[in-house]
């Protein structure tokens, strides 16, 4: 949690530059058929270290984010002048051609002080072109002065101390352009995952004070029209003041539902872990797996109420075996906080999948 707060603080420090920076984003590079060889060619930032964004490059954060081995993530959106995203209360906003969603992955040398000695690993761009969304990975150099387009991806050795002070060493996998679609695909088309009303509906610490992100986007002319009623919202999965079931569902929605939904690449599993799904059996409660295998560990149900130790979903979350683990992409470590959250949720269920009276 401290890492997330510090990452937001870094974004807040640069947010003030958004309004003053000259408008010099290279729209031609964004819409060109051939990806730019270097990250700097797009002009998203005024500095080589990607801390000072250009005009209309706006930082944002999510209520609950995808787990990626605990990496820091710095998110920005660019929407070209004269264009707006269209509000959607149910899913990801409708973004205009020329939009770029920018996400940089990084680790601090010591994640207990995430604002110090930060190493950028890669920046992923999702670019909205006439033909649809295109995913482009850029890998940062050791000097942290430039990132180059790497269509074949990369594997980067990383070492750091985690928030508990444990020494961690791993190989960070930068996905190639084809692997990006392993998560970002719906009905056969590449799509963003995070920027939905329910996940953006939160305050962000901008330089001139906190503001709701959706309202702020609207005030900047980036988003329209806003609904007359309040926007939907999912909680932060680790906000103990929110209901446990809502926190667990929010976690599964962002970490699993991009595949496990009726239009996703894992639709054949029969699981639908989307926030909007209200049928517990579709979450996996008392649901038998479609295909048995070592991924099931011999357990009968995806979720067995009251018995996390016999639930396939939790078993796969706790695994790092490539043939068992879920999610199968985007992590090499076990998300211990996520596992603890889902374990507590399952343990507190009654036979219907609802919270039991003891909770």
Foldseek 3Di string as FASTA:
>chain_A
DVLQVLLLVLLQVQQVLQVVAAPDFDLCQLQDPDHDFWPCNRVQAPALLPSHGHHQFHWAFWQAAADQAPWRKTKTKHADPPFAWEADQPAATRGDASMKIKIWTWAAQESLCNNPRIDTAKMWIWGQYPVGTFIWIWGADPVSRITGTDQCWDWQWDWHQYNVRDIDIDTRTGHHRVCQCLQQDFLRGGHDQTRHQQTQQDWGQHNVGIDRRVVVCVVVVHYDDDDPDDGHYQHRLPPVVDDLVSSLLVNCQNHPQSAPPCGHVVVVQQAHSHPPDDQVVNPWQQDATPDDDVLQVPAGTCADALCPVRHSVLVQLQDQPCVHHPVNPSYNHRPVVSSVSVSVQRNQADNRSDGDPVD
